[in-house]
C-alpha atoms as a PDB file:
ATOM      1  CA  MET A   1      -1.893  -6.167  12.560  1.00  0.00           C
ATOM      2  CA  ASP A   2      -2.429  -8.287  15.691  1.00  0.00           C
ATOM      3  CA  LEU A   3      -5.728  -6.398  16.308  1.00  0.00           C
ATOM      4  CA  VAL A   4      -7.058  -7.616  12.943  1.00  0.00           C
ATOM      5  CA  LEU A   5      -5.682 -11.113  13.435  1.00  0.00           C
ATOM      6  CA  ASN A   6      -7.196 -11.436  16.881  1.00  0.00           C
ATOM      7  CA  ALA A   7     -10.590 -10.426  15.543  1.00  0.00           C
ATOM      8  CA  ALA A   8     -10.273 -12.812  12.627  1.00  0.00           C
ATOM      9  CA  ASP A   9      -9.271 -15.661  14.950  1.00  0.00           C
ATOM     10  CA  TYR A  10     -12.159 -14.956  17.353  1.00  0.00           C
ATOM     11  CA  TYR A  11     -14.907 -14.605  14.762  1.00  0.00           C
ATOM     12  CA  PHE A  12     -13.735 -16.813  11.897  1.00  0.00           C
ATOM     13  CA  PHE A  13     -10.495 -18.795  11.939  1.00  0.00           C
ATOM     14  CA  THR A  14     -10.804 -20.561  15.342  1.00  0.00           C
ATOM     15  CA  PRO A  15     -14.475 -21.523  15.189  1.00  0.00           C
ATOM     16  CA  TYR A  16     -14.670 -22.352  11.462  1.00  0.00           C
ATOM     17  CA  ILE A  17     -11.278 -22.945   9.850  1.00  0.00           C
ATOM     18  CA  TYR A  18      -8.542 -24.335  12.083  1.00  0.00           C
ATOM     19  CA  PRO A  19      -8.794 -27.397  14.355  1.00  0.00           C
ATOM     20  CA  ALA A  20      -9.202 -26.563  18.038  1.00  0.00           C
ATOM     21  CA  SER A  21      -5.894 -28.212  18.818  1.00  0.00           C
ATOM     22  CA  TRP A  22      -3.978 -25.704  16.659  1.00  0.00           C
ATOM     23  CA  SER A  23      -2.785 -22.887  18.937  1.00  0.00           C
ATOM     24  CA  GLU A  24      -3.469 -19.331  17.831  1.00  0.00           C
ATOM     25  CA  ASP A  25       0.133 -18.490  18.763  1.00  0.00           C
ATOM     26  CA  ASP A  26       1.614 -21.058  16.334  1.00  0.00           C
ATOM     27  CA  ILE A  27       3.855 -19.180  13.915  1.00  0.00           C
ATOM     28  CA  PHE A  28       2.875 -21.292  10.905  1.00  0.00           C
ATOM     29  CA  ARG A  29      -0.833 -20.707  11.579  1.00  0.00           C
ATOM     30  CA  GLN A  30      -0.180 -16.986  12.047  1.00  0.00           C
ATOM     31  CA  THR A  31       1.671 -16.858   8.704  1.00  0.00           C
ATOM     32  CA  ILE A  32      -1.234 -18.539   6.866  1.00  0.00           C
ATOM     33  CA  SER A  33      -3.764 -16.269   8.563  1.00  0.00           C
ATOM     34  CA  LEU A  34      -1.770 -13.130   7.795  1.00  0.00           C
ATOM     35  CA  LEU A  35      -1.433 -14.096   4.140  1.00  0.00           C
ATOM     36  CA  ILE A  36      -5.202 -14.509   3.940  1.00  0.00           C
ATOM     37  CA  ILE A  37      -5.960 -11.273   5.782  1.00  0.00           C
ATOM     38  CA  THR A  38      -3.358  -9.211   3.922  1.00  0.00           C
ATOM     39  CA  ASN A  39      -4.494 -10.367   0.484  1.00  0.00           C
ATOM     40  CA  LEU A  40      -8.199 -10.083   1.274  1.00  0.00           C
ATOM     41  CA  GLY A  41      -7.704  -6.659   2.838  1.00  0.00           C
ATOM     42  CA  ALA A  42      -5.650  -5.429  -0.109  1.00  0.00           C
ATOM     43  CA  TYR A  43      -8.226  -6.563  -2.633  1.00  0.00           C
ATOM     44  CA  VAL A  44     -11.139  -5.042  -0.658  1.00  0.00           C
ATOM     45  CA  LEU A  45      -9.375  -1.698  -0.228  1.00  0.00           C
ATOM     46  CA  TYR A  46      -8.266  -1.628  -3.875  1.00  0.00           C
ATOM     47  CA  PHE A  47     -11.588  -2.534  -5.501  1.00  0.00           C
ATOM     48  CA  PHE A  48     -13.793  -0.568  -3.110  1.00  0.00           C
ATOM     49  CA  PHE A  49     -11.977   2.733  -3.140  1.00  0.00           C
ATOM     50  CA  ALA A  50     -10.729   2.545  -6.734  1.00  0.00           C
ATOM     51  CA  THR A  51     -14.262   1.850  -7.886  1.00  0.00           C
ATOM     52  CA  LEU A  52     -15.616   4.805  -5.901  1.00  0.00           C
ATOM     53  CA  SER A  53     -12.916   7.024  -7.344  1.00  0.00           C
ATOM     54  CA  TYR A  54     -13.508   5.692 -10.838  1.00  0.00           C
ATOM     55  CA  TYR A  55     -17.254   6.426 -10.799  1.00  0.00           C
ATOM     56  CA  PHE A  56     -17.406   9.602  -8.687  1.00  0.00           C
ATOM     57  CA  VAL A  57     -14.045  11.375  -9.048  1.00  0.00           C
ATOM     58  CA  TYR A  58     -12.273  10.254 -12.193  1.00  0.00           C
ATOM     59  CA  ASP A  59     -12.636  12.353 -15.327  1.00  0.00           C
ATOM     60  CA  HIS A  60     -13.729   9.799 -17.911  1.00  0.00           C
ATOM     61  CA  SER A  61     -12.908  12.162 -20.770  1.00  0.00           C
ATOM     62  CA  LEU A  62      -9.254  11.225 -20.132  1.00  0.00           C
ATOM     63  CA  MET A  63     -10.070   7.810 -21.583  1.00  0.00           C
ATOM     64  CA  LYS A  64     -10.299   9.512 -24.986  1.00  0.00           C
ATOM     65  CA  HIS A  65      -6.698  10.669 -24.748  1.00  0.00           C
ATOM     66  CA  PRO A  66      -4.503   9.078 -27.466  1.00  0.00           C
ATOM     67  CA  GLN A  67      -2.133   7.728 -24.777  1.00  0.00           C
ATOM     68  CA  PHE A  68      -4.931   5.941 -22.959  1.00  0.00           C
ATOM     69  CA  LEU A  69      -4.351   2.288 -23.923  1.00  0.00           C
ATOM     70  CA  LYS A  70      -6.860  -0.091 -25.405  1.00  0.00           C
ATOM     71  CA  ASN A  71      -8.650  -2.033 -22.624  1.00  0.00           C
ATOM     72  CA  GLN A  72      -6.418  -0.130 -20.137  1.00  0.00           C
ATOM     73  CA  VAL A  73      -8.741  -0.371 -17.103  1.00  0.00           C
ATOM     74  CA  TYR A  74      -9.017  -4.149 -17.549  1.00  0.00           C
ATOM     75  CA  ARG A  75      -5.251  -4.393 -17.964  1.00  0.00           C
ATOM     76  CA  GLU A  76      -4.640  -2.280 -14.850  1.00  0.00           C
ATOM     77  CA  ILE A  77      -6.919  -4.443 -12.805  1.00  0.00           C
ATOM     78  CA  THR A  78      -5.420  -7.680 -14.165  1.00  0.00           C
ATOM     79  CA  PHE A  79      -1.887  -6.448 -13.458  1.00  0.00           C
ATOM     80  CA  THR A  80      -2.842  -5.505  -9.901  1.00  0.00           C
ATOM     81  CA  VAL A  81      -4.667  -8.796  -9.164  1.00  0.00           C
ATOM     82  CA  GLN A  82      -1.624 -10.749 -10.322  1.00  0.00           C
ATOM     83  CA  SER A  83       0.880  -8.590  -8.404  1.00  0.00           C
ATOM     84  CA  LEU A  84      -0.738  -8.184  -4.984  1.00  0.00           C
ATOM     85  CA  PRO A  85      -0.280 -11.799  -3.791  1.00  0.00           C
ATOM     86  CA  TRP A  86       3.479 -11.529  -4.565  1.00  0.00           C
ATOM     87  CA  MET A  87       3.727  -8.185  -2.743  1.00  0.00           C
ATOM     88  CA  SER A  88       2.000  -9.772   0.247  1.00  0.00           C
ATOM     89  CA  ILE A  89       4.720 -12.364   0.902  1.00  0.00           C
ATOM     90  CA  PRO A  90       7.473  -9.967   2.088  1.00  0.00           C
ATOM     91  CA  THR A  91       4.816  -7.747   3.662  1.00  0.00           C
ATOM     92  CA  VAL A  92       3.507 -10.628   5.776  1.00  0.00           C
ATOM     93  CA  SER A  93       7.034 -11.395   6.989  1.00  0.00           C
ATOM     94  CA  LEU A  94       7.134  -7.846   8.480  1.00  0.00           C
ATOM     95  CA  PHE A  95       3.613  -8.208   9.902  1.00  0.00           C
ATOM     96  CA  LEU A  96       4.761 -11.446  11.495  1.00  0.00           C
ATOM     97  CA  LEU A  97       7.670  -9.671  13.169  1.00  0.00           C
ATOM     98  CA  GLU A  98       5.226  -7.087  14.479  1.00  0.00           C
ATOM     99  CA  LEU A  99       2.970  -9.806  15.781  1.00  0.00           C
ATOM    100  CA  ARG A 100       5.867 -11.527  17.552  1.00  0.00           C
ATOM    101  CA  GLY A 101       6.680  -8.342  19.444  1.00  0.00           C
ATOM    102  CA  TYR A 102       9.678  -6.967  17.585  1.00  0.00           C
ATOM    103  CA  SER A 103       8.112  -3.611  16.713  1.00  0.00           C
ATOM    104  CA  LYS A 104       7.437  -0.541  18.878  1.00  0.00           C
ATOM    105  CA  LEU A 105       3.675  -0.622  18.351  1.00  0.00           C
ATOM    106  CA  TYR A 106       1.691  -0.309  21.541  1.00  0.00           C
ATOM    107  CA  ASP A 107      -1.933  -0.930  22.653  1.00  0.00           C
ATOM    108  CA  ASP A 108      -2.526   1.376  25.603  1.00  0.00           C
ATOM    109  CA  ILE A 109      -2.690   5.132  25.002  1.00  0.00           C
ATOM    110  CA  GLY A 110      -1.404   5.544  28.525  1.00  0.00           C
ATOM    111  CA  GLU A 111       1.946   4.142  27.414  1.00  0.00           C
ATOM    112  CA  PHE A 112       2.647   7.369  25.560  1.00  0.00           C
ATOM    113  CA  PRO A 113       3.565  10.546  27.429  1.00  0.00           C
ATOM    114  CA  SER A 114       0.707  12.737  26.033  1.00  0.00           C
ATOM    115  CA  TRP A 115      -1.710  13.366  23.200  1.00  0.00           C
ATOM    116  CA  PHE A 116       0.727  15.885  21.898  1.00  0.00           C
ATOM    117  CA  HIS A 117       3.330  13.123  21.470  1.00  0.00           C
ATOM    118  CA  LEU A 118       0.736  10.995  19.699  1.00  0.00           C
ATOM    119  CA  ILE A 119       0.057  13.756  17.193  1.00  0.00           C
ATOM    120  CA  VAL A 120       3.737  14.285  16.678  1.00  0.00           C
ATOM    121  CA  SER A 121       4.137  10.527  16.016  1.00  0.00           C
ATOM    122  CA  VAL A 122       1.536  10.829  13.222  1.00  0.00           C
ATOM    123  CA  LEU A 123       3.368  13.793  11.670  1.00  0.00           C
ATOM    124  CA  SER A 124       6.714  12.065  11.969  1.00  0.00           C
ATOM    125  CA  PHE A 125       5.209   8.977  10.314  1.00  0.00           C
ATOM    126  CA  LEU A 126       4.079  11.056   7.369  1.00  0.00           C
ATOM    127  CA  PHE A 127       7.422  12.858   7.097  1.00  0.00           C
ATOM    128  CA  PHE A 128       9.533   9.699   7.505  1.00  0.00           C
ATOM    129  CA  THR A 129       7.593   7.650   5.002  1.00  0.00           C
ATOM    130  CA  ASP A 130       7.207  10.388   2.377  1.00  0.00           C
ATOM    131  CA  MET A 131      10.936  11.169   2.564  1.00  0.00           C
ATOM    132  CA  LEU A 132      11.985   7.534   2.152  1.00  0.00           C
ATOM    133  CA  ILE A 133       9.510   6.891  -0.627  1.00  0.00           C
ATOM    134  CA  TYR A 134      10.903   9.860  -2.517  1.00  0.00           C
ATOM    135  CA  TRP A 135      14.416   8.345  -2.476  1.00  0.00           C
ATOM    136  CA  ILE A 136      13.164   4.836  -3.174  1.00  0.00           C
ATOM    137  CA  HIS A 137      11.143   6.114  -6.117  1.00  0.00           C
ATOM    138  CA  ARG A 138      14.133   8.074  -7.333  1.00  0.00           C
ATOM    139  CA  GLY A 139      16.282   5.000  -7.082  1.00  0.00           C
ATOM    140  CA  LEU A 140      13.753   2.947  -9.057  1.00  0.00           C
ATOM    141  CA  HIS A 141      14.292   5.343 -11.935  1.00  0.00           C
ATOM    142  CA  HIS A 142      17.966   4.335 -12.096  1.00  0.00           C
ATOM    143  CA  ARG A 143      18.800   2.823 -15.473  1.00  0.00           C
ATOM    144  CA  LEU A 144      19.914  -0.451 -13.906  1.00  0.00           C
ATOM    145  CA  VAL A 145      16.488  -1.247 -12.411  1.00  0.00           C
ATOM    146  CA  TYR A 146      14.012   1.036 -14.134  1.00  0.00           C
ATOM    147  CA  LYS A 147      13.262  -1.094 -17.204  1.00  0.00           C
ATOM    148  CA  ARG A 148      12.564  -4.316 -15.346  1.00  0.00           C
ATOM    149  CA  ILE A 149      11.044  -3.124 -12.127  1.00  0.00           C
ATOM    150  CA  HIS A 150       9.535   0.402 -12.335  1.00  0.00           C
ATOM    151  CA  LYS A 151       8.749   0.867 -16.022  1.00  0.00           C
ATOM    152  CA  PRO A 152       5.677  -1.424 -15.907  1.00  0.00           C
ATOM    153  CA  HIS A 153       3.918   1.103 -13.664  1.00  0.00           C
ATOM    154  CA  HIS A 154       4.648   3.905 -16.125  1.00  0.00           C
ATOM    155  CA  LEU A 155       2.923   1.941 -18.821  1.00  0.00           C
ATOM    156  CA  TRP A 156      -0.197   3.751 -17.686  1.00  0.00           C
ATOM    157  CA  LYS A 157       0.669   7.274 -18.941  1.00  0.00           C
ATOM    158  CA  ILE A 158      -2.923   8.427 -18.477  1.00  0.00           C
ATOM    159  CA  PRO A 159      -3.803   6.354 -15.393  1.00  0.00           C
ATOM    160  CA  SER A 160      -7.190   5.484 -14.014  1.00  0.00           C
ATOM    161  CA  PRO A 161      -7.664   4.885 -10.251  1.00  0.00           C
ATOM    162  CA  PHE A 162      -7.192   1.138 -10.988  1.00  0.00           C
ATOM    163  CA  ALA A 163      -3.569   1.866 -11.929  1.00  0.00           C
ATOM    164  CA  SER A 164      -2.845   2.838  -8.311  1.00  0.00           C
ATOM    165  CA  HIS A 165      -1.613  -0.615  -7.302  1.00  0.00           C
ATOM    166  CA  ALA A 166      -0.563  -1.882 -10.734  1.00  0.00           C
ATOM    167  CA  PHE A 167       3.093  -2.286  -9.818  1.00  0.00           C
ATOM    168  CA  HIS A 168       5.715  -4.887 -10.427  1.00  0.00           C
ATOM    169  CA  PRO A 169       5.714  -6.828  -7.063  1.00  0.00           C
ATOM    170  CA  VAL A 170       9.226  -5.692  -6.174  1.00  0.00           C
ATOM    171  CA  ASP A 171       8.351  -2.058  -7.008  1.00  0.00           C
ATOM    172  CA  GLY A 172       5.125  -2.199  -5.012  1.00  0.00           C
ATOM    173  CA  PHE A 173       6.789  -3.679  -1.961  1.00  0.00           C
ATOM    174  CA  LEU A 174       9.764  -1.311  -1.997  1.00  0.00           C
ATOM    175  CA  GLN A 175       7.508   1.737  -2.137  1.00  0.00           C
ATOM    176  CA  SER A 176       5.445   0.401   0.777  1.00  0.00           C
ATOM    177  CA  LEU A 177       8.454  -0.555   2.827  1.00  0.00           C
ATOM    178  CA  PRO A 178       8.794   2.791   4.726  1.00  0.00           C
ATOM    179  CA  TYR A 179       5.297   2.309   6.138  1.00  0.00           C
ATOM    180  CA  HIS A 180       6.304  -1.035   7.547  1.00  0.00           C
ATOM    181  CA  ILE A 181       9.692  -0.161   8.963  1.00  0.00           C
ATOM    182  CA  TYR A 182       8.528   2.987  10.764  1.00  0.00           C
ATOM    183  CA  PRO A 183       7.039   1.128  13.774  1.00  0.00           C
ATOM    184  CA  PHE A 184      10.279  -0.844  14.152  1.00  0.00           C
ATOM    185  CA  ILE A 185      12.153   2.439  14.718  1.00  0.00           C
ATOM    186  CA  PHE A 186       9.592   4.706  16.392  1.00  0.00           C
ATOM    187  CA  PRO A 187       6.680   4.017  18.799  1.00  0.00           C
ATOM    188  CA  LEU A 188       3.189   4.258  17.366  1.00  0.00           C
ATOM    189  CA  HIS A 189      -0.240   3.248  18.596  1.00  0.00           C
ATOM    190  CA  LYS A 190      -1.602   0.153  16.858  1.00  0.00           C
ATOM    191  CA  VAL A 191      -4.946   1.718  15.952  1.00  0.00           C
ATOM    192  CA  VAL A 192      -3.182   4.825  14.569  1.00  0.00           C
ATOM    193  CA  TYR A 193      -0.840   2.615  12.516  1.00  0.00           C
ATOM    194  CA  LEU A 194      -3.680   0.567  11.080  1.00  0.00           C
ATOM    195  CA  SER A 195      -5.647   3.759  10.282  1.00  0.00           C
ATOM    196  CA  LEU A 196      -2.649   5.365   8.579  1.00  0.00           C
ATOM    197  CA  TYR A 197      -2.031   2.176   6.573  1.00  0.00           C
ATOM    198  CA  ILE A 198      -5.582   2.284   5.266  1.00  0.00           C
ATOM    199  CA  LEU A 199      -5.402   6.023   4.527  1.00  0.00           C
ATOM    200  CA  VAL A 200      -2.136   5.549   2.672  1.00  0.00           C
ATOM    201  CA  ASN A 201      -3.819   3.096   0.345  1.00  0.00           C
ATOM    202  CA  ILE A 202      -6.691   5.468  -0.272  1.00  0.00           C
ATOM    203  CA  TRP A 203      -4.187   8.274  -0.927  1.00  0.00           C
ATOM    204  CA  THR A 204      -2.374   6.060  -3.428  1.00  0.00           C
ATOM    205  CA  ILE A 205      -5.610   5.628  -5.342  1.00  0.00           C
ATOM    206  CA  SER A 206      -6.355   9.369  -5.161  1.00  0.00           C
ATOM    207  CA  ILE A 207      -3.062  10.342  -6.884  1.00  0.00           C
ATOM    208  CA  HIS A 208      -3.901   8.129  -9.851  1.00  0.00           C
ATOM    209  CA  ASP A 209      -7.346   9.550 -10.615  1.00  0.00           C
ATOM    210  CA  GLY A 210      -6.354  12.398 -12.908  1.00  0.00           C
ATOM    211  CA  ASP A 211      -3.923  13.766 -15.520  1.00  0.00           C
ATOM    212  CA  PHE A 212      -0.901  14.973 -13.557  1.00  0.00           C
ATOM    213  CA  ARG A 213       1.541  15.322 -16.428  1.00  0.00           C
ATOM    214  CA  PHE A 214       3.369  18.606 -16.691  1.00  0.00           C
ATOM    215  CA  SER A 215       4.491  18.528 -20.376  1.00  0.00           C
ATOM    216  CA  GLU A 216       2.648  21.826 -21.082  1.00  0.00           C
ATOM    217  CA  LEU A 217       4.635  23.578 -18.333  1.00  0.00           C
ATOM    218  CA  LEU A 218       7.843  22.185 -19.783  1.00  0.00           C
ATOM    219  CA  ASP A 219       6.906  23.284 -23.266  1.00  0.00           C
ATOM    220  CA  ASN A 220       6.089  26.791 -22.029  1.00  0.00           C
ATOM    221  CA  SER A 221       9.451  26.944 -20.301  1.00  0.00           C
ATOM    222  CA  GLY A 222      11.343  26.284 -23.462  1.00  0.00           C
ATOM    223  CA  PHE A 223      12.049  22.641 -22.747  1.00  0.00           C
ATOM    224  CA  THR A 224      10.901  19.724 -24.845  1.00  0.00           C
ATOM    225  CA  GLU A 225       9.778  16.216 -23.809  1.00  0.00           C
ATOM    226  CA  THR A 226      12.204  13.346 -24.376  1.00  0.00           C
END
């Protein structure tokens, strides 16, 4: 995240926003800047790619499904817009730790033994995060937390791409946590990490652009929905 912050400082914050006397290394200034960048980036990614998916990928006939709610797209967007700033607060605390040098992110490709190791790091990132998200998601379905934290996301039984980030803030942060803790455990190039972070958000949108229910398979297997 320091790559993004450095660019924002150079082109925007330092010349136009903050007084010249306020050091770019000041932790309070960095926190404010990261909050702005994280929220702005999240909204841009969400609206840009969800809108593309909605108009060019999404099957609009799904909106005629009886379980598609009245004004659902508007409600998905509203839910997301209200939740993202709350998700950003704990996220920024982790970005701040990265910025202060506590992670294993690195700048120079020469710091890694070979391109092979770089590729392996990408694969391990995908494996590590997907595995943890599976268990986190499974835990969120526990009866003690499901109703308050995870159930709001399942309100959208026939989701549109705009449901992709429509989480309770705690739910949204917990399911993004593996992506943030990976570079504190394993080395990863900063550009690769930033690219993967963007791709993960696009992927999240892509898995909410269709009807992925499997009730028909269950019915054909002799089971019934509960």
